[in-house]
Amino acid sequence: MSEATTRNERRVLVAVDEGEESMYALSWSLKNIIFQNSSDTLILLYVKPPHAVYSPLDSTARIDHPETPGYLFSSDVSAAIEKYGQEVADCVLEKAKKLCKDLQNVKVETRVEIGDPRDVICDMSQKLGADLLIMGSHGYGVVKR
């Protein structure tokens, strides 16, 4: 029997986002799945939407000057958008970590990934070897779920 099986360690992946449903799912898992003195690893995953892809030429391009390609946003605007996205991710993960502050032996890890959340959550669940995946319902009722 392996050491991980002996100590009953689990890797629990919780997908979090800006919605209250994901924070509810996290708090529910802390009450019902993760226990105070367990040796579980809790992985908080936030998935940022993929970067928008734009045509390299747009209204800022000069047709008569091939060395002046047009871009939808200047580099300053793109950097500001990226910075804002990272601030949102940091804020969500900080809020999630505050819910986990009372855990004694549970290791809490955070991950920020980029892509379509549906694909990234499934991929990361496999890649990280999660024993359990917990995520909110996005407020859907029984019928819509």
N, C-alpha and C. Protein backbone atom coordinates (compact mmCIF):
# COMPACT_ATOMS: atom_id res chain seq x y z
N MET A 1 0.84 -1.18 0.00
CA MET A 1 0.00 0.00 0.00
C MET A 1 0.88 1.25 0.00
N SER A 2 0.55 2.20 -0.82
CA SER A 2 1.37 3.41 -0.91
C SER A 2 1.14 4.31 0.30
N GLU A 3 2.10 5.20 0.50
CA GLU A 3 2.01 6.13 1.63
C GLU A 3 0.79 7.05 1.48
N ALA A 4 0.48 7.48 0.23
CA ALA A 4 -0.67 8.36 0.01
C ALA A 4 -1.97 7.66 0.38
N THR A 5 -2.06 6.35 0.07
CA THR A 5 -3.27 5.61 0.40
C THR A 5 -3.37 5.41 1.91
N THR A 6 -2.24 5.18 2.55
CA THR A 6 -2.24 4.97 3.99
C THR A 6 -2.76 6.19 4.73
N ARG A 7 -2.32 7.38 4.30
CA ARG A 7 -2.74 8.60 4.99
C ARG A 7 -4.05 9.14 4.44
N ASN A 8 -4.60 8.48 3.43
CA ASN A 8 -5.88 8.87 2.87
C ASN A 8 -5.85 10.30 2.30
N GLU A 9 -4.80 10.61 1.57
CA GLU A 9 -4.69 11.93 0.95
C GLU A 9 -5.55 11.97 -0.30
N ARG A 10 -6.16 13.11 -0.51
CA ARG A 10 -6.95 13.33 -1.72
C ARG A 10 -6.53 14.64 -2.33
N ARG A 11 -6.66 14.72 -3.64
CA ARG A 11 -6.43 15.97 -4.36
C ARG A 11 -7.80 16.45 -4.83
N VAL A 12 -8.24 17.56 -4.26
CA VAL A 12 -9.58 18.09 -4.55
C VAL A 12 -9.42 19.38 -5.36
N LEU A 13 -9.95 19.38 -6.56
CA LEU A 13 -9.88 20.54 -7.45
C LEU A 13 -11.20 21.30 -7.37
N VAL A 14 -11.13 22.58 -7.03
CA VAL A 14 -12.32 23.42 -6.98
C VAL A 14 -12.15 24.55 -8.00
N ALA A 15 -13.04 24.60 -8.97
CA ALA A 15 -13.02 25.65 -9.98
C ALA A 15 -13.72 26.88 -9.41
N VAL A 16 -13.03 28.02 -9.41
CA VAL A 16 -13.61 29.25 -8.87
C VAL A 16 -13.62 30.32 -9.96
N ASP A 17 -14.61 31.18 -9.86
CA ASP A 17 -14.70 32.34 -10.76
C ASP A 17 -15.34 33.49 -10.01
N GLU A 18 -15.78 34.52 -10.74
CA GLU A 18 -16.33 35.70 -10.09
C GLU A 18 -17.72 35.47 -9.50
N GLY A 19 -18.38 34.42 -9.89
CA GLY A 19 -19.75 34.16 -9.46
C GLY A 19 -19.85 33.66 -8.03
N GLU A 20 -20.96 33.97 -7.40
CA GLU A 20 -21.20 33.51 -6.04
C GLU A 20 -21.40 32.00 -5.97
N GLU A 21 -21.84 31.40 -7.09
CA GLU A 21 -22.05 29.97 -7.10
C GLU A 21 -20.76 29.20 -6.86
N SER A 22 -19.65 29.69 -7.42
CA SER A 22 -18.39 28.99 -7.22
C SER A 22 -17.89 29.15 -5.78
N MET A 23 -18.13 30.31 -5.18
CA MET A 23 -17.73 30.48 -3.79
C MET A 23 -18.61 29.63 -2.86
N TYR A 24 -19.88 29.49 -3.24
CA TYR A 24 -20.76 28.60 -2.48
C TYR A 24 -20.27 27.16 -2.59
N ALA A 25 -19.88 26.75 -3.80
CA ALA A 25 -19.37 25.39 -4.00
C ALA A 25 -18.11 25.17 -3.17
N LEU A 26 -17.24 26.18 -3.09
CA LEU A 26 -16.03 26.07 -2.28
C LEU A 26 -16.38 25.95 -0.80
N SER A 27 -17.26 26.82 -0.32
CA SER A 27 -17.61 26.76 1.10
C SER A 27 -18.34 25.45 1.43
N TRP A 28 -19.17 24.97 0.50
CA TRP A 28 -19.84 23.68 0.70
C TRP A 28 -18.81 22.57 0.81
N SER A 29 -17.80 22.60 -0.07
CA SER A 29 -16.79 21.55 -0.04
C SER A 29 -15.96 21.60 1.24
N LEU A 30 -15.75 22.81 1.77
CA LEU A 30 -14.99 22.93 3.02
C LEU A 30 -15.77 22.36 4.20
N LYS A 31 -17.09 22.42 4.13
CA LYS A 31 -17.93 21.89 5.21
C LYS A 31 -18.19 20.40 5.07
N ASN A 32 -18.25 19.91 3.82
CA ASN A 32 -18.70 18.55 3.58
C ASN A 32 -17.64 17.59 3.04
N ILE A 33 -16.59 18.10 2.44
CA ILE A 33 -15.60 17.23 1.79
C ILE A 33 -14.24 17.33 2.47
N ILE A 34 -13.75 18.54 2.64
CA ILE A 34 -12.44 18.78 3.24
C ILE A 34 -12.61 18.92 4.74
N PHE A 35 -11.83 18.20 5.48
CA PHE A 35 -11.94 18.28 6.93
C PHE A 35 -10.72 18.96 7.52
N GLN A 36 -10.91 19.57 8.64
CA GLN A 36 -9.91 20.39 9.33
C GLN A 36 -8.53 19.75 9.38
N ASN A 37 -8.43 18.54 9.84
CA ASN A 37 -7.14 17.92 10.07
C ASN A 37 -6.80 16.85 9.03
N SER A 38 -7.44 16.90 7.89
CA SER A 38 -7.12 15.92 6.86
C SER A 38 -5.82 16.33 6.17
N SER A 39 -5.23 15.41 5.47
CA SER A 39 -4.00 15.71 4.75
C SER A 39 -4.29 15.85 3.26
N ASP A 40 -5.45 16.40 2.94
CA ASP A 40 -5.84 16.61 1.55
C ASP A 40 -5.08 17.79 0.96
N THR A 41 -5.07 17.83 -0.36
CA THR A 41 -4.57 18.99 -1.09
C THR A 41 -5.75 19.61 -1.80
N LEU A 42 -5.99 20.87 -1.53
CA LEU A 42 -7.08 21.61 -2.15
C LEU A 42 -6.48 22.50 -3.22
N ILE A 43 -6.93 22.33 -4.46
CA ILE A 43 -6.40 23.11 -5.58
C ILE A 43 -7.50 24.05 -6.05
N LEU A 44 -7.25 25.35 -5.95
CA LEU A 44 -8.19 26.36 -6.42
C LEU A 44 -7.79 26.76 -7.83
N LEU A 45 -8.69 26.55 -8.78
CA LEU A 45 -8.39 26.81 -10.19
C LEU A 45 -9.25 27.95 -10.71
N TYR A 46 -8.59 28.97 -11.26
CA TYR A 46 -9.29 30.07 -11.93
C TYR A 46 -8.88 30.03 -13.39
N VAL A 47 -9.84 30.10 -14.29
CA VAL A 47 -9.55 30.06 -15.72
C VAL A 47 -9.89 31.41 -16.33
N LYS A 48 -8.85 32.07 -16.86
CA LYS A 48 -9.07 33.34 -17.56
C LYS A 48 -9.51 33.04 -18.98
N PRO A 49 -10.41 33.86 -19.52
CA PRO A 49 -10.84 33.64 -20.91
C PRO A 49 -9.66 33.79 -21.86
N PRO A 50 -9.72 33.11 -22.99
CA PRO A 50 -8.60 33.21 -23.94
C PRO A 50 -8.48 34.63 -24.49
N HIS A 51 -7.27 34.95 -24.89
CA HIS A 51 -7.05 36.27 -25.49
C HIS A 51 -7.80 36.34 -26.80
N ALA A 52 -8.40 37.48 -27.05
CA ALA A 52 -9.14 37.66 -28.30
C ALA A 52 -8.15 37.70 -29.47
N VAL A 53 -8.55 37.10 -30.55
CA VAL A 53 -7.72 37.10 -31.75
C VAL A 53 -8.34 38.08 -32.74
N TYR A 54 -7.52 38.99 -33.21
CA TYR A 54 -7.99 40.00 -34.13
C TYR A 54 -7.18 39.93 -35.41
N SER A 55 -7.77 40.43 -36.44
CA SER A 55 -7.07 40.53 -37.71
C SER A 55 -5.90 41.49 -37.54
N PRO A 56 -4.77 41.18 -38.17
CA PRO A 56 -3.64 42.09 -38.00
C PRO A 56 -3.86 43.46 -38.65
N LEU A 57 -4.81 43.53 -39.55
CA LEU A 57 -5.10 44.82 -40.17
C LEU A 57 -6.47 45.30 -39.75
N ASP A 58 -6.56 46.51 -39.35
CA ASP A 58 -7.84 47.11 -39.04
C ASP A 58 -7.77 48.58 -39.40
N SER A 59 -8.61 49.37 -38.83
CA SER A 59 -8.72 50.77 -39.23
C SER A 59 -7.49 51.61 -38.90
N THR A 60 -6.58 51.11 -38.06
CA THR A 60 -5.38 51.90 -37.76
C THR A 60 -4.27 51.67 -38.77
N ALA A 61 -4.45 50.69 -39.66
CA ALA A 61 -3.42 50.40 -40.66
C ALA A 61 -3.41 51.46 -41.75
N ARG A 62 -2.24 51.66 -42.29
CA ARG A 62 -2.10 52.56 -43.42
C ARG A 62 -1.88 51.70 -44.65
N ILE A 63 -2.83 51.72 -45.54
CA ILE A 63 -2.76 50.88 -46.74
C ILE A 63 -1.54 51.24 -47.58
N ASP A 64 -1.22 52.52 -47.62
CA ASP A 64 -0.11 52.96 -48.46
C ASP A 64 1.25 52.79 -47.79
N HIS A 65 1.28 52.27 -46.57
CA HIS A 65 2.54 52.11 -45.85
C HIS A 65 2.60 50.71 -45.24
N PRO A 66 3.24 49.75 -45.95
CA PRO A 66 3.23 48.36 -45.48
C PRO A 66 3.96 48.13 -44.16
N GLU A 67 4.80 49.04 -43.72
CA GLU A 67 5.51 48.87 -42.46
C GLU A 67 4.70 49.32 -41.25
N THR A 68 3.50 49.82 -41.47
CA THR A 68 2.64 50.26 -40.38
C THR A 68 1.42 49.35 -40.32
N PRO A 69 1.59 48.17 -39.69
CA PRO A 69 0.42 47.29 -39.58
C PRO A 69 -0.58 47.87 -38.60
N GLY A 70 -1.82 47.57 -38.82
CA GLY A 70 -2.86 48.04 -37.91
C GLY A 70 -3.19 47.00 -36.87
N TYR A 71 -3.48 47.44 -35.69
CA TYR A 71 -3.89 46.56 -34.61
C TYR A 71 -5.13 47.14 -33.98
N LEU A 72 -6.01 46.28 -33.50
CA LEU A 72 -7.25 46.73 -32.91
C LEU A 72 -6.98 47.58 -31.67
N PHE A 73 -6.01 47.16 -30.86
CA PHE A 73 -5.67 47.89 -29.65
C PHE A 73 -4.18 48.20 -29.67
N SER A 74 -3.84 49.33 -29.10
CA SER A 74 -2.42 49.65 -28.97
C SER A 74 -1.82 48.72 -27.92
N SER A 75 -0.50 48.69 -27.85
CA SER A 75 0.15 47.82 -26.87
C SER A 75 -0.19 48.25 -25.45
N ASP A 76 -0.40 49.57 -25.23
CA ASP A 76 -0.78 50.05 -23.90
C ASP A 76 -2.15 49.53 -23.49
N VAL A 77 -3.08 49.55 -24.42
CA VAL A 77 -4.44 49.07 -24.12
C VAL A 77 -4.42 47.56 -23.89
N SER A 78 -3.66 46.83 -24.72
CA SER A 78 -3.55 45.38 -24.54
C SER A 78 -2.94 45.04 -23.19
N ALA A 79 -1.92 45.80 -22.79
CA ALA A 79 -1.28 45.57 -21.49
C ALA A 79 -2.25 45.87 -20.36
N ALA A 80 -3.07 46.92 -20.51
CA ALA A 80 -4.05 47.26 -19.48
C ALA A 80 -5.12 46.18 -19.36
N ILE A 81 -5.54 45.63 -20.50
CA ILE A 81 -6.53 44.54 -20.48
C ILE A 81 -5.95 43.32 -19.79
N GLU A 82 -4.70 42.99 -20.10
CA GLU A 82 -4.04 41.84 -19.47
C GLU A 82 -3.88 42.06 -17.97
N LYS A 83 -3.49 43.27 -17.59
CA LYS A 83 -3.30 43.59 -16.16
C LYS A 83 -4.63 43.47 -15.41
N TYR A 84 -5.71 43.97 -16.01
CA TYR A 84 -7.02 43.89 -15.38
C TYR A 84 -7.44 42.43 -15.22
N GLY A 85 -7.21 41.61 -16.24
CA GLY A 85 -7.55 40.19 -16.15
C GLY A 85 -6.80 39.50 -15.03
N GLN A 86 -5.52 39.87 -14.85
CA GLN A 86 -4.73 39.27 -13.77
C GLN A 86 -5.22 39.75 -12.41
N GLU A 87 -5.62 41.03 -12.32
CA GLU A 87 -6.15 41.56 -11.07
C GLU A 87 -7.44 40.86 -10.67
N VAL A 88 -8.29 40.57 -11.65
CA VAL A 88 -9.54 39.85 -11.37
C VAL A 88 -9.21 38.45 -10.86
N ALA A 89 -8.28 37.77 -11.52
CA ALA A 89 -7.89 36.42 -11.10
C ALA A 89 -7.32 36.45 -9.68
N ASP A 90 -6.45 37.42 -9.40
CA ASP A 90 -5.87 37.54 -8.06
C ASP A 90 -6.94 37.80 -7.00
N CYS A 91 -7.90 38.65 -7.33
CA CYS A 91 -8.97 38.99 -6.39
C CYS A 91 -9.84 37.76 -6.08
N VAL A 92 -10.20 37.00 -7.12
CA VAL A 92 -11.02 35.81 -6.93
C VAL A 92 -10.28 34.78 -6.09
N LEU A 93 -9.00 34.57 -6.39
CA LEU A 93 -8.24 33.58 -5.63
C LEU A 93 -7.99 34.03 -4.20
N GLU A 94 -7.83 35.32 -3.99
CA GLU A 94 -7.64 35.84 -2.63
C GLU A 94 -8.92 35.61 -1.81
N LYS A 95 -10.06 35.87 -2.42
CA LYS A 95 -11.34 35.64 -1.74
C LYS A 95 -11.51 34.16 -1.41
N ALA A 96 -11.12 33.30 -2.35
CA ALA A 96 -11.23 31.86 -2.12
C ALA A 96 -10.27 31.41 -1.01
N LYS A 97 -9.06 31.95 -1.01
CA LYS A 97 -8.09 31.57 0.03
C LYS A 97 -8.54 32.02 1.42
N LYS A 98 -9.26 33.14 1.50
CA LYS A 98 -9.78 33.60 2.79
C LYS A 98 -10.77 32.60 3.37
N LEU A 99 -11.55 31.95 2.50
CA LEU A 99 -12.48 30.92 2.97
C LEU A 99 -11.73 29.72 3.53
N CYS A 100 -10.50 29.50 3.07
CA CYS A 100 -9.71 28.34 3.47
C CYS A 100 -8.74 28.62 4.61
N LYS A 101 -8.78 29.80 5.17
CA LYS A 101 -7.76 30.23 6.14
C LYS A 101 -7.72 29.39 7.40
N ASP A 102 -8.81 28.74 7.77
CA ASP A 102 -8.85 27.98 9.01
C ASP A 102 -8.38 26.54 8.87
N LEU A 103 -8.05 26.13 7.67
CA LEU A 103 -7.62 24.75 7.47
C LEU A 103 -6.22 24.56 8.04
N GLN A 104 -6.05 23.52 8.83
CA GLN A 104 -4.78 23.28 9.52
C GLN A 104 -3.78 22.53 8.63
N ASN A 105 -4.05 21.29 8.34
CA ASN A 105 -3.10 20.43 7.63
C ASN A 105 -3.35 20.35 6.14
N VAL A 106 -4.40 20.96 5.67
CA VAL A 106 -4.74 20.89 4.25
C VAL A 106 -3.85 21.85 3.48
N LYS A 107 -3.22 21.32 2.45
CA LYS A 107 -2.37 22.15 1.60
C LYS A 107 -3.27 22.82 0.56
N VAL A 108 -3.18 24.14 0.44
CA VAL A 108 -4.00 24.89 -0.51
C VAL A 108 -3.09 25.42 -1.61
N GLU A 109 -3.39 25.02 -2.84
CA GLU A 109 -2.64 25.49 -4.00
C GLU A 109 -3.57 26.31 -4.87
N THR A 110 -3.00 27.24 -5.61
CA THR A 110 -3.79 28.03 -6.56
C THR A 110 -3.19 27.89 -7.94
N ARG A 111 -4.06 27.90 -8.93
CA ARG A 111 -3.64 27.83 -10.33
C ARG A 111 -4.46 28.82 -11.13
N VAL A 112 -3.80 29.50 -12.05
CA VAL A 112 -4.48 30.37 -13.01
C VAL A 112 -4.11 29.85 -14.38
N GLU A 113 -5.10 29.51 -15.17
CA GLU A 113 -4.89 29.01 -16.52
C GLU A 113 -5.67 29.89 -17.49
N ILE A 114 -5.34 29.79 -18.75
CA ILE A 114 -6.00 30.58 -19.80
C ILE A 114 -6.63 29.62 -20.81
N GLY A 115 -7.86 29.90 -21.18
CA GLY A 115 -8.53 29.10 -22.20
C GLY A 115 -10.03 29.02 -21.95
N ASP A 116 -10.66 28.14 -22.68
CA ASP A 116 -12.09 27.90 -22.51
C ASP A 116 -12.26 27.11 -21.21
N PRO A 117 -12.98 27.67 -20.23
CA PRO A 117 -13.09 26.99 -18.94
C PRO A 117 -13.56 25.54 -19.03
N ARG A 118 -14.46 25.24 -19.96
CA ARG A 118 -14.95 23.86 -20.09
C ARG A 118 -13.80 22.90 -20.39
N ASP A 119 -12.93 23.30 -21.28
CA ASP A 119 -11.82 22.43 -21.66
C ASP A 119 -10.72 22.44 -20.61
N VAL A 120 -10.39 23.62 -20.11
CA VAL A 120 -9.27 23.76 -19.17
C VAL A 120 -9.56 23.02 -17.87
N ILE A 121 -10.77 23.13 -17.36
CA ILE A 121 -11.11 22.45 -16.10
C ILE A 121 -10.96 20.94 -16.26
N CYS A 122 -11.45 20.40 -17.35
CA CYS A 122 -11.32 18.95 -17.59
C CYS A 122 -9.86 18.56 -17.76
N ASP A 123 -9.10 19.33 -18.53
CA ASP A 123 -7.69 19.02 -18.76
C ASP A 123 -6.89 19.09 -17.46
N MET A 124 -7.12 20.14 -16.67
CA MET A 124 -6.37 20.31 -15.43
C MET A 124 -6.75 19.24 -14.40
N SER A 125 -8.00 18.80 -14.43
CA SER A 125 -8.43 17.74 -13.53
C SER A 125 -7.61 16.48 -13.79
N GLN A 126 -7.40 16.17 -15.06
CA GLN A 126 -6.58 15.01 -15.41
C GLN A 126 -5.10 15.26 -15.14
N LYS A 127 -4.61 16.42 -15.58
CA LYS A 127 -3.19 16.73 -15.45
C LYS A 127 -2.74 16.76 -13.99
N LEU A 128 -3.57 17.31 -13.12
CA LEU A 128 -3.22 17.43 -11.71
C LEU A 128 -3.54 16.18 -10.89
N GLY A 129 -4.17 15.21 -11.53
CA GLY A 129 -4.51 13.97 -10.84
C GLY A 129 -5.54 14.18 -9.74
N ALA A 130 -6.55 15.00 -10.04
CA ALA A 130 -7.58 15.30 -9.04
C ALA A 130 -8.43 14.07 -8.76
N ASP A 131 -8.66 13.83 -7.49
CA ASP A 131 -9.55 12.75 -7.08
C ASP A 131 -11.01 13.19 -7.12
N LEU A 132 -11.21 14.49 -7.00
CA LEU A 132 -12.56 15.04 -6.93
C LEU A 132 -12.55 16.43 -7.57
N LEU A 133 -13.56 16.71 -8.37
CA LEU A 133 -13.73 18.03 -8.99
C LEU A 133 -15.02 18.64 -8.47
N ILE A 134 -14.91 19.87 -7.97
CA ILE A 134 -16.07 20.57 -7.44
C ILE A 134 -16.20 21.89 -8.16
N MET A 135 -17.41 22.20 -8.63
CA MET A 135 -17.64 23.47 -9.30
C MET A 135 -19.08 23.91 -9.09
N GLY A 136 -19.31 25.20 -9.19
CA GLY A 136 -20.63 25.76 -8.99
C GLY A 136 -21.55 25.45 -10.16
N SER A 137 -22.82 25.73 -9.96
CA SER A 137 -23.82 25.42 -10.98
C SER A 137 -24.16 26.61 -11.86
N HIS A 138 -23.51 27.74 -11.66
CA HIS A 138 -23.79 28.97 -12.40
C HIS A 138 -25.24 29.42 -12.24
N GLY A 139 -25.85 29.04 -11.16
CA GLY A 139 -27.20 29.50 -10.86
C GLY A 139 -28.29 28.80 -11.64
N TYR A 140 -27.93 27.73 -12.38
CA TYR A 140 -28.94 27.01 -13.14
C TYR A 140 -29.84 26.24 -12.19
N GLY A 141 -31.09 26.14 -12.54
CA GLY A 141 -32.02 25.32 -11.77
C GLY A 141 -31.90 23.87 -12.17
N VAL A 142 -32.72 23.03 -11.58
CA VAL A 142 -32.67 21.59 -11.84
C VAL A 142 -32.94 21.28 -13.31
N VAL A 143 -33.92 21.94 -13.91
CA VAL A 143 -34.29 21.64 -15.29
C VAL A 143 -33.17 22.08 -16.25
N LYS A 144 -32.66 23.27 -16.11
CA LYS A 144 -31.63 23.77 -17.03
C LYS A 144 -30.31 23.02 -16.87
N ARG A 145 -29.98 22.57 -15.65
CA ARG A 145 -28.76 21.80 -15.44
C ARG A 145 -28.84 20.53 -16.22
